Amino acid sequence: MSRISIDEVKHVAHLARLAITEEEAEKFQKQLDAIISFAEELNELNTDDVEPISHVLDMKNVMREDIVQKGLPVEEVLKNAPDHENGQVKVPATFE
């Protein structure tokens, strides 16, 4: 017996805004049933002595140091701006 019905597959497809045919619903039912079976197998594993982790690799802060550096000259930054005024890029008004 399948763990997920055709109606449930169609409901999930509807929630995902997917139009599926009867043949696709049957195909997806078999695929989803296989996924649910695998998840049930995982539930049978004894994980009492397994420590919860937040990442699969044992990494500590892998980000580089934040080093202050001099930025680009204003003239170079504004060189490619289609319109600028007083050292700032000029854009169309958002509010009137």
PDB file of N, CA and C in Angstrom:
ATOM      1  N   MET A   1       0.839  -1.183   0.000  1.00  0.00           N
ATOM      2  CA  MET A   1       0.000   0.000   0.000  1.00  0.00           C
ATOM      3  C   MET A   1       0.885   1.248   0.000  1.00  0.00           C
ATOM      4  N   SER A   2       0.496   2.207  -0.778  1.00  0.00           N
ATOM      5  CA  SER A   2       1.262   3.436  -0.900  1.00  0.00           C
ATOM      6  C   SER A   2       1.061   4.337   0.328  1.00  0.00           C
ATOM      7  N   ARG A   3       2.093   5.042   0.699  1.00  0.00           N
ATOM      8  CA  ARG A   3       2.023   5.936   1.850  1.00  0.00           C
ATOM      9  C   ARG A   3       1.423   7.295   1.496  1.00  0.00           C
ATOM     10  N   ILE A   4       1.267   7.558   0.203  1.00  0.00           N
ATOM     11  CA  ILE A   4       0.687   8.818  -0.259  1.00  0.00           C
ATOM     12  C   ILE A   4      -0.302   8.508  -1.381  1.00  0.00           C
ATOM     13  N   SER A   5      -1.461   9.107  -1.290  1.00  0.00           N
ATOM     14  CA  SER A   5      -2.511   8.813  -2.273  1.00  0.00           C
ATOM     15  C   SER A   5      -2.383   9.727  -3.492  1.00  0.00           C
ATOM     16  N   ILE A   6      -3.068   9.352  -4.550  1.00  0.00           N
ATOM     17  CA  ILE A   6      -3.099  10.172  -5.767  1.00  0.00           C
ATOM     18  C   ILE A   6      -3.700  11.535  -5.439  1.00  0.00           C
ATOM     19  N   ASP A   7      -4.742  11.553  -4.597  1.00  0.00           N
ATOM     20  CA  ASP A   7      -5.381  12.823  -4.224  1.00  0.00           C
ATOM     21  C   ASP A   7      -4.394  13.729  -3.472  1.00  0.00           C
ATOM     22  N   GLU A   8      -3.570  13.125  -2.617  1.00  0.00           N
ATOM     23  CA  GLU A   8      -2.565  13.929  -1.898  1.00  0.00           C
ATOM     24  C   GLU A   8      -1.520  14.478  -2.860  1.00  0.00           C
ATOM     25  N   VAL A   9      -1.127  13.689  -3.846  1.00  0.00           N
ATOM     26  CA  VAL A   9      -0.172  14.156  -4.861  1.00  0.00           C
ATOM     27  C   VAL A   9      -0.767  15.328  -5.622  1.00  0.00           C
ATOM     28  N   LYS A  10      -2.028  15.198  -6.016  1.00  0.00           N
ATOM     29  CA  LYS A  10      -2.691  16.286  -6.733  1.00  0.00           C
ATOM     30  C   LYS A  10      -2.817  17.534  -5.858  1.00  0.00           C
ATOM     31  N   HIS A  11      -3.075  17.324  -4.573  1.00  0.00           N
ATOM     32  CA  HIS A  11      -3.181  18.458  -3.644  1.00  0.00           C
ATOM     33  C   HIS A  11      -1.843  19.188  -3.529  1.00  0.00           C
ATOM     34  N   VAL A  12      -0.767  18.437  -3.398  1.00  0.00           N
ATOM     35  CA  VAL A  12       0.567  19.045  -3.324  1.00  0.00           C
ATOM     36  C   VAL A  12       0.885  19.781  -4.624  1.00  0.00           C
ATOM     37  N   ALA A  13       0.537  19.188  -5.743  1.00  0.00           N
ATOM     38  CA  ALA A  13       0.755  19.833  -7.038  1.00  0.00           C
ATOM     39  C   ALA A  13      -0.048  21.133  -7.115  1.00  0.00           C
ATOM     40  N   HIS A  14      -1.274  21.102  -6.625  1.00  0.00           N
ATOM     41  CA  HIS A  14      -2.108  22.307  -6.621  1.00  0.00           C
ATOM     42  C   HIS A  14      -1.479  23.394  -5.749  1.00  0.00           C
ATOM     43  N   LEU A  15      -0.986  23.012  -4.574  1.00  0.00           N
ATOM     44  CA  LEU A  15      -0.342  23.981  -3.686  1.00  0.00           C
ATOM     45  C   LEU A  15       0.889  24.603  -4.337  1.00  0.00           C
ATOM     46  N   ALA A  16       1.589  23.806  -5.138  1.00  0.00           N
ATOM     47  CA  ALA A  16       2.783  24.288  -5.838  1.00  0.00           C
ATOM     48  C   ALA A  16       2.427  24.958  -7.162  1.00  0.00           C
ATOM     49  N   ARG A  17       1.129  25.055  -7.428  1.00  0.00           N
ATOM     50  CA  ARG A  17       0.630  25.678  -8.670  1.00  0.00           C
ATOM     51  C   ARG A  17       1.154  24.953  -9.905  1.00  0.00           C
ATOM     52  N   LEU A  18       1.132  23.608  -9.838  1.00  0.00           N
ATOM     53  CA  LEU A  18       1.558  22.784 -10.952  1.00  0.00           C
ATOM     54  C   LEU A  18       0.356  22.076 -11.555  1.00  0.00           C
ATOM     55  N   ALA A  19       0.254  22.111 -12.843  1.00  0.00           N
ATOM     56  CA  ALA A  19      -0.788  21.358 -13.534  1.00  0.00           C
ATOM     57  C   ALA A  19      -0.188  20.018 -13.936  1.00  0.00           C
ATOM     58  N   ILE A  20      -0.754  18.932 -13.421  1.00  0.00           N
ATOM     59  CA  ILE A  20      -0.222  17.607 -13.750  1.00  0.00           C
ATOM     60  C   ILE A  20      -1.338  16.727 -14.300  1.00  0.00           C
ATOM     61  N   THR A  21      -0.945  15.781 -15.136  1.00  0.00           N
ATOM     62  CA  THR A  21      -1.891  14.833 -15.715  1.00  0.00           C
ATOM     63  C   THR A  21      -2.055  13.645 -14.774  1.00  0.00           C
ATOM     64  N   GLU A  22      -3.016  12.791 -15.083  1.00  0.00           N
ATOM     65  CA  GLU A  22      -3.220  11.574 -14.285  1.00  0.00           C
ATOM     66  C   GLU A  22      -1.971  10.691 -14.304  1.00  0.00           C
ATOM     67  N   GLU A  23      -1.348  10.580 -15.497  1.00  0.00           N
ATOM     68  CA  GLU A  23      -0.137   9.758 -15.620  1.00  0.00           C
ATOM     69  C   GLU A  23       0.988  10.328 -14.758  1.00  0.00           C
ATOM     70  N   GLU A  24       1.125  11.661 -14.767  1.00  0.00           N
ATOM     71  CA  GLU A  24       2.169  12.293 -13.951  1.00  0.00           C
ATOM     72  C   GLU A  24       1.870  12.098 -12.464  1.00  0.00           C
ATOM     73  N   ALA A  25       0.600  12.184 -12.087  1.00  0.00           N
ATOM     74  CA  ALA A  25       0.219  11.990 -10.686  1.00  0.00           C
ATOM     75  C   ALA A  25       0.602  10.587 -10.218  1.00  0.00           C
ATOM     76  N   GLU A  26       0.370   9.586 -11.065  1.00  0.00           N
ATOM     77  CA  GLU A  26       0.734   8.209 -10.716  1.00  0.00           C
ATOM     78  C   GLU A  26       2.251   8.051 -10.613  1.00  0.00           C
ATOM     79  N   LYS A  27       2.970   8.685 -11.548  1.00  0.00           N
ATOM     80  CA  LYS A  27       4.436   8.620 -11.535  1.00  0.00           C
ATOM     81  C   LYS A  27       4.983   9.284 -10.266  1.00  0.00           C
ATOM     82  N   PHE A  28       4.444  10.474  -9.946  1.00  0.00           N
ATOM     83  CA  PHE A  28       4.911  11.199  -8.766  1.00  0.00           C
ATOM     84  C   PHE A  28       4.527  10.475  -7.481  1.00  0.00           C
ATOM     85  N   GLN A  29       3.395   9.770  -7.502  1.00  0.00           N
ATOM     86  CA  GLN A  29       2.991   9.007  -6.326  1.00  0.00           C
ATOM     87  C   GLN A  29       4.052   7.955  -6.006  1.00  0.00           C
ATOM     88  N   LYS A  30       4.507   7.243  -7.034  1.00  0.00           N
ATOM     89  CA  LYS A  30       5.533   6.217  -6.825  1.00  0.00           C
ATOM     90  C   LYS A  30       6.836   6.837  -6.337  1.00  0.00           C
ATOM     91  N   GLN A  31       7.219   7.965  -6.935  1.00  0.00           N
ATOM     92  CA  GLN A  31       8.469   8.620  -6.543  1.00  0.00           C
ATOM     93  C   GLN A  31       8.390   9.149  -5.108  1.00  0.00           C
ATOM     94  N   LEU A  32       7.273   9.797  -4.775  1.00  0.00           N
ATOM     95  CA  LEU A  32       7.114  10.325  -3.412  1.00  0.00           C
ATOM     96  C   LEU A  32       7.025   9.204  -2.393  1.00  0.00           C
ATOM     97  N   ASP A  33       6.405   8.093  -2.766  1.00  0.00           N
ATOM     98  CA  ASP A  33       6.335   6.944  -1.873  1.00  0.00           C
ATOM     99  C   ASP A  33       7.740   6.414  -1.577  1.00  0.00           C
ATOM    100  N   ALA A  34       8.596   6.388  -2.602  1.00  0.00           N
ATOM    101  CA  ALA A  34       9.983   5.931  -2.397  1.00  0.00           C
ATOM    102  C   ALA A  34      10.731   6.880  -1.468  1.00  0.00           C
ATOM    103  N   ILE A  35      10.487   8.172  -1.615  1.00  0.00           N
ATOM    104  CA  ILE A  35      11.142   9.156  -0.749  1.00  0.00           C
ATOM    105  C   ILE A  35      10.672   8.986   0.694  1.00  0.00           C
ATOM    106  N   ILE A  36       9.370   8.799   0.879  1.00  0.00           N
ATOM    107  CA  ILE A  36       8.821   8.608   2.227  1.00  0.00           C
ATOM    108  C   ILE A  36       9.376   7.323   2.844  1.00  0.00           C
ATOM    109  N   SER A  37       9.508   6.276   2.045  1.00  0.00           N
ATOM    110  CA  SER A  37      10.070   5.012   2.548  1.00  0.00           C
ATOM    111  C   SER A  37      11.500   5.215   3.031  1.00  0.00           C
ATOM    112  N   PHE A  38      12.282   5.973   2.262  1.00  0.00           N
ATOM    113  CA  PHE A  38      13.661   6.238   2.667  1.00  0.00           C
ATOM    114  C   PHE A  38      13.692   7.034   3.964  1.00  0.00           C
ATOM    115  N   ALA A  39      12.826   8.030   4.087  1.00  0.00           N
ATOM    116  CA  ALA A  39      12.778   8.828   5.317  1.00  0.00           C
ATOM    117  C   ALA A  39      12.400   7.953   6.508  1.00  0.00           C
ATOM    118  N   GLU A  40      11.503   7.003   6.311  1.00  0.00           N
ATOM    119  CA  GLU A  40      11.125   6.090   7.391  1.00  0.00           C
ATOM    120  C   GLU A  40      12.300   5.205   7.800  1.00  0.00           C
ATOM    121  N   GLU A  41      13.122   4.803   6.831  1.00  0.00           N
ATOM    122  CA  GLU A  41      14.324   4.021   7.151  1.00  0.00           C
ATOM    123  C   GLU A  41      15.261   4.844   8.025  1.00  0.00           C
ATOM    124  N   LEU A  42      15.401   6.125   7.707  1.00  0.00           N
ATOM    125  CA  LEU A  42      16.272   6.978   8.509  1.00  0.00           C
ATOM    126  C   LEU A  42      15.761   7.124   9.937  1.00  0.00           C
ATOM    127  N   ASN A  43      14.441   7.114  10.111  1.00  0.00           N
ATOM    128  CA  ASN A  43      13.861   7.218  11.452  1.00  0.00           C
ATOM    129  C   ASN A  43      14.190   6.010  12.317  1.00  0.00           C
ATOM    130  N   GLU A  44      14.542   4.888  11.695  1.00  0.00           N
ATOM    131  CA  GLU A  44      14.871   3.677  12.443  1.00  0.00           C
ATOM    132  C   GLU A  44      16.289   3.699  13.009  1.00  0.00           C
ATOM    133  N   LEU A  45      17.117   4.615  12.535  1.00  0.00           N
ATOM    134  CA  LEU A  45      18.497   4.683  13.015  1.00  0.00           C
ATOM    135  C   LEU A  45      18.559   5.165  14.454  1.00  0.00           C
ATOM    136  N   ASN A  46      19.471   4.581  15.219  1.00  0.00           N
ATOM    137  CA  ASN A  46      19.670   5.004  16.597  1.00  0.00           C
ATOM    138  C   ASN A  46      20.638   6.191  16.602  1.00  0.00           C
ATOM    139  N   THR A  47      20.141   7.348  16.951  1.00  0.00           N
ATOM    140  CA  THR A  47      20.970   8.558  16.970  1.00  0.00           C
ATOM    141  C   THR A  47      21.149   9.099  18.386  1.00  0.00           C
ATOM    142  N   ASP A  48      20.961   8.242  19.388  1.00  0.00           N
ATOM    143  CA  ASP A  48      21.065   8.698  20.784  1.00  0.00           C
ATOM    144  C   ASP A  48      22.441   9.259  21.110  1.00  0.00           C
ATOM    145  N   ASP A  49      23.503   8.650  20.575  1.00  0.00           N
ATOM    146  CA  ASP A  49      24.860   9.088  20.892  1.00  0.00           C
ATOM    147  C   ASP A  49      25.440  10.039  19.853  1.00  0.00           C
ATOM    148  N   VAL A  50      24.606  10.539  18.960  1.00  0.00           N
ATOM    149  CA  VAL A  50      25.076  11.440  17.912  1.00  0.00           C
ATOM    150  C   VAL A  50      24.833  12.877  18.364  1.00  0.00           C
ATOM    151  N   GLU A  51      25.906  13.636  18.405  1.00  0.00           N
ATOM    152  CA  GLU A  51      25.801  15.031  18.846  1.00  0.00           C
ATOM    153  C   GLU A  51      25.253  15.899  17.708  1.00  0.00           C
ATOM    154  N   PRO A  52      24.271  16.752  17.997  1.00  0.00           N
ATOM    155  CA  PRO A  52      23.737  17.632  16.955  1.00  0.00           C
ATOM    156  C   PRO A  52      24.817  18.580  16.437  1.00  0.00           C
ATOM    157  N   ILE A  53      24.770  18.863  15.143  1.00  0.00           N
ATOM    158  CA  ILE A  53      25.742  19.780  14.551  1.00  0.00           C
ATOM    159  C   ILE A  53      25.004  20.824  13.716  1.00  0.00           C
ATOM    160  N   SER A  54      25.667  21.933  13.469  1.00  0.00           N
ATOM    161  CA  SER A  54      25.064  22.972  12.628  1.00  0.00           C
ATOM    162  C   SER A  54      25.685  22.984  11.240  1.00  0.00           C
ATOM    163  N   HIS A  55      26.806  22.266  11.084  1.00  0.00           N
ATOM    164  CA  HIS A  55      27.486  22.226   9.797  1.00  0.00           C
ATOM    165  C   HIS A  55      28.207  20.897   9.686  1.00  0.00           C
ATOM    166  N   VAL A  56      28.265  20.351   8.481  1.00  0.00           N
ATOM    167  CA  VAL A  56      28.885  19.036   8.314  1.00  0.00           C
ATOM    168  C   VAL A  56      30.403  19.081   8.441  1.00  0.00           C
ATOM    169  N   LEU A  57      30.996  20.235   8.188  1.00  0.00           N
ATOM    170  CA  LEU A  57      32.443  20.374   8.327  1.00  0.00           C
ATOM    171  C   LEU A  57      32.769  21.113   9.607  1.00  0.00           C
ATOM    172  N   ASP A  58      33.835  20.689  10.275  1.00  0.00           N
ATOM    173  CA  ASP A  58      34.232  21.322  11.527  1.00  0.00           C
ATOM    174  C   ASP A  58      35.013  22.599  11.211  1.00  0.00           C
ATOM    175  N   MET A  59      34.274  23.693  10.993  1.00  0.00           N
ATOM    176  CA  MET A  59      34.911  24.953  10.636  1.00  0.00           C
ATOM    177  C   MET A  59      34.583  26.014  11.669  1.00  0.00           C
ATOM    178  N   LYS A  60      35.541  26.819  11.924  1.00  0.00           N
ATOM    179  CA  LYS A  60      35.339  27.984  12.768  1.00  0.00           C
ATOM    180  C   LYS A  60      35.484  29.192  11.861  1.00  0.00           C
ATOM    181  N   ASN A  61      34.921  30.284  12.199  1.00  0.00           N
ATOM    182  CA  ASN A  61      34.941  31.529  11.444  1.00  0.00           C
ATOM    183  C   ASN A  61      35.938  31.515  10.283  1.00  0.00           C
ATOM    184  N   VAL A  62      35.441  31.267   9.085  1.00  0.00           N
ATOM    185  CA  VAL A  62      36.296  31.161   7.910  1.00  0.00           C
ATOM    186  C   VAL A  62      36.351  32.461   7.123  1.00  0.00           C
ATOM    187  N   MET A  63      35.823  33.526   7.707  1.00  0.00           N
ATOM    188  CA  MET A  63      35.816  34.803   7.004  1.00  0.00           C
ATOM    189  C   MET A  63      37.148  35.520   7.207  1.00  0.00           C
ATOM    190  N   ARG A  64      37.521  36.299   6.224  1.00  0.00           N
ATOM    191  CA  ARG A  64      38.780  37.042   6.320  1.00  0.00           C
ATOM    192  C   ARG A  64      38.609  38.214   7.272  1.00  0.00           C
ATOM    193  N   GLU A  65      39.723  38.760   7.702  1.00  0.00           N
ATOM    194  CA  GLU A  65      39.705  39.948   8.549  1.00  0.00           C
ATOM    195  C   GLU A  65      39.149  41.120   7.749  1.00  0.00           C
ATOM    196  N   ASP A  66      38.407  41.974   8.403  1.00  0.00           N
ATOM    197  CA  ASP A  66      37.871  43.166   7.760  1.00  0.00           C
ATOM    198  C   ASP A  66      38.943  44.253   7.819  1.00  0.00           C
ATOM    199  N   ILE A  67      39.568  44.510   6.674  1.00  0.00           N
ATOM    200  CA  ILE A  67      40.668  45.467   6.610  1.00  0.00           C
ATOM    201  C   ILE A  67      40.185  46.717   5.888  1.00  0.00           C
ATOM    202  N   VAL A  68      40.349  47.860   6.519  1.00  0.00           N
ATOM    203  CA  VAL A  68      39.950  49.127   5.914  1.00  0.00           C
ATOM    204  C   VAL A  68      40.928  49.462   4.798  1.00  0.00           C
ATOM    205  N   GLN A  69      40.369  49.765   3.623  1.00  0.00           N
ATOM    206  CA  GLN A  69      41.196  50.122   2.482  1.00  0.00           C
ATOM    207  C   GLN A  69      40.636  51.375   1.835  1.00  0.00           C
ATOM    208  N   LYS A  70      41.506  52.089   1.159  1.00  0.00           N
ATOM    209  CA  LYS A  70      41.076  53.281   0.456  1.00  0.00           C
ATOM    210  C   LYS A  70      40.201  52.867  -0.719  1.00  0.00           C
ATOM    211  N   GLY A  71      39.064  53.561  -0.903  1.00  0.00           N
ATOM    212  CA  GLY A  71      38.147  53.256  -1.983  1.00  0.00           C
ATOM    213  C   GLY A  71      38.590  53.901  -3.289  1.00  0.00           C
ATOM    214  N   LEU A  72      37.765  53.738  -4.307  1.00  0.00           N
ATOM    215  CA  LEU A  72      38.048  54.319  -5.612  1.00  0.00           C
ATOM    216  C   LEU A  72      37.851  55.833  -5.560  1.00  0.00           C
ATOM    217  N   PRO A  73      38.583  56.559  -6.391  1.00  0.00           N
ATOM    218  CA  PRO A  73      38.361  58.007  -6.469  1.00  0.00           C
ATOM    219  C   PRO A  73      36.953  58.292  -7.010  1.00  0.00           C
ATOM    220  N   VAL A  74      36.313  59.336  -6.502  1.00  0.00           N
ATOM    221  CA  VAL A  74      34.955  59.685  -6.898  1.00  0.00           C
ATOM    222  C   VAL A  74      34.851  59.866  -8.410  1.00  0.00           C
ATOM    223  N   GLU A  75      35.839  60.504  -9.005  1.00  0.00           N
ATOM    224  CA  GLU A  75      35.801  60.739 -10.450  1.00  0.00           C
ATOM    225  C   GLU A  75      35.738  59.426 -11.227  1.00  0.00           C
ATOM    226  N   GLU A  76      36.476  58.424 -10.775  1.00  0.00           N
ATOM    227  CA  GLU A  76      36.472  57.130 -11.456  1.00  0.00           C
ATOM    228  C   GLU A  76      35.146  56.414 -11.293  1.00  0.00           C
ATOM    229  N   VAL A  77      34.549  56.529 -10.107  1.00  0.00           N
ATOM    230  CA  VAL A  77      33.254  55.899  -9.852  1.00  0.00           C
ATOM    231  C   VAL A  77      32.180  56.537 -10.726  1.00  0.00           C
ATOM    232  N   LEU A  78      32.210  57.853 -10.852  1.00  0.00           N
ATOM    233  CA  LEU A  78      31.176  58.573 -11.603  1.00  0.00           C
ATOM    234  C   LEU A  78      31.399  58.536 -13.115  1.00  0.00           C
ATOM    235  N   LYS A  79      32.555  58.046 -13.534  1.00  0.00           N
ATOM    236  CA  LYS A  79      32.900  58.013 -14.951  1.00  0.00           C
ATOM    237  C   LYS A  79      31.853  57.261 -15.786  1.00  0.00           C
ATOM    238  N   ASN A  80      31.297  56.174 -15.261  1.00  0.00           N
ATOM    239  CA  ASN A  80      30.326  55.363 -16.007  1.00  0.00           C
ATOM    240  C   ASN A  80      28.877  55.677 -15.652  1.00  0.00           C
ATOM    241  N   ALA A  81      28.657  56.604 -14.733  1.00  0.00           N
ATOM    242  CA  ALA A  81      27.285  56.959 -14.360  1.00  0.00           C
ATOM    243  C   ALA A  81      26.657  57.787 -15.475  1.00  0.00           C
ATOM    244  N   PRO A  82      25.434  57.460 -15.881  1.00  0.00           N
ATOM    245  CA  PRO A  82      24.801  58.219 -16.960  1.00  0.00           C
ATOM    246  C   PRO A  82      24.556  59.678 -16.578  1.00  0.00           C
ATOM    247  N   ASP A  83      24.311  59.942 -15.300  1.00  0.00           N
ATOM    248  CA  ASP A  83      24.064  61.306 -14.847  1.00  0.00           C
ATOM    249  C   ASP A  83      24.556  61.439 -13.415  1.00  0.00           C
ATOM    250  N   HIS A  84      25.254  62.521 -13.124  1.00  0.00           N
ATOM    251  CA  HIS A  84      25.715  62.742 -11.747  1.00  0.00           C
ATOM    252  C   HIS A  84      25.745  64.232 -11.456  1.00  0.00           C
ATOM    253  N   GLU A  85      25.721  64.527 -10.154  1.00  0.00           N
ATOM    254  CA  GLU A  85      25.693  65.918  -9.714  1.00  0.00           C
ATOM    255  C   GLU A  85      26.288  66.004  -8.309  1.00  0.00           C
ATOM    256  N   ASN A  86      27.188  66.943  -8.089  1.00  0.00           N
ATOM    257  CA  ASN A  86      27.824  67.159  -6.783  1.00  0.00           C
ATOM    258  C   ASN A  86      28.453  65.887  -6.209  1.00  0.00           C
ATOM    259  N   GLY A  87      29.106  65.101  -7.048  1.00  0.00           N
ATOM    260  CA  GLY A  87      29.805  63.903  -6.577  1.00  0.00           C
ATOM    261  C   GLY A  87      28.896  62.731  -6.265  1.00  0.00           C
ATOM    262  N   GLN A  88      27.635  62.771  -6.707  1.00  0.00           N
ATOM    263  CA  GLN A  88      26.703  61.680  -6.448  1.00  0.00           C
ATOM    264  C   GLN A  88      26.010  61.275  -7.746  1.00  0.00           C
ATOM    265  N   VAL A  89      25.638  60.000  -7.832  1.00  0.00           N
ATOM    266  CA  VAL A  89      24.914  59.508  -8.994  1.00  0.00           C
ATOM    267  C   VAL A  89      23.491  60.041  -8.920  1.00  0.00           C
ATOM    268  N   LYS A  90      23.023  60.605 -10.017  1.00  0.00           N
ATOM    269  CA  LYS A  90      21.685  61.171 -10.069  1.00  0.00           C
ATOM    270  C   LYS A  90      20.739  60.143 -10.705  1.00  0.00           C
ATOM    271  N   VAL A  91      19.649  59.850  -9.997  1.00  0.00           N
ATOM    272  CA  VAL A  91      18.680  58.873 -10.469  1.00  0.00           C
ATOM    273  C   VAL A  91      17.303  59.513 -10.510  1.00  0.00           C
ATOM    274  N   PRO A  92      16.369  58.904 -11.257  1.00  0.00           N
ATOM    275  CA  PRO A  92      15.007  59.448 -11.281  1.00  0.00           C
ATOM    276  C   PRO A  92      14.384  59.431  -9.891  1.00  0.00           C
ATOM    277  N   ALA A  93      13.549  60.411  -9.611  1.00  0.00           N
ATOM    278  CA  ALA A  93      12.883  60.503  -8.319  1.00  0.00           C
ATOM    279  C   ALA A  93      11.936  59.322  -8.122  1.00  0.00           C
ATOM    280  N   THR A  94      11.938  58.777  -6.917  1.00  0.00           N
ATOM    281  CA  THR A  94      11.024  57.689  -6.590  1.00  0.00           C
ATOM    282  C   THR A  94       9.685  58.248  -6.128  1.00  0.00           C
ATOM    283  N   PHE A  95       9.728  59.319  -5.375  1.00  0.00           N
ATOM    284  CA  PHE A  95       8.521  59.977  -4.868  1.00  0.00           C
ATOM    285  C   PHE A  95       8.411  61.361  -5.507  1.00  0.00           C
ATOM    286  N   GLU A  96       7.204  61.825  -5.690  1.00  0.00           N
ATOM    287  CA  GLU A  96       7.020  63.150  -6.245  1.00  0.00           C
ATOM    288  C   GLU A  96       6.707  64.155  -5.166  1.00  0.00           C
TER     289      GLU A  96
END
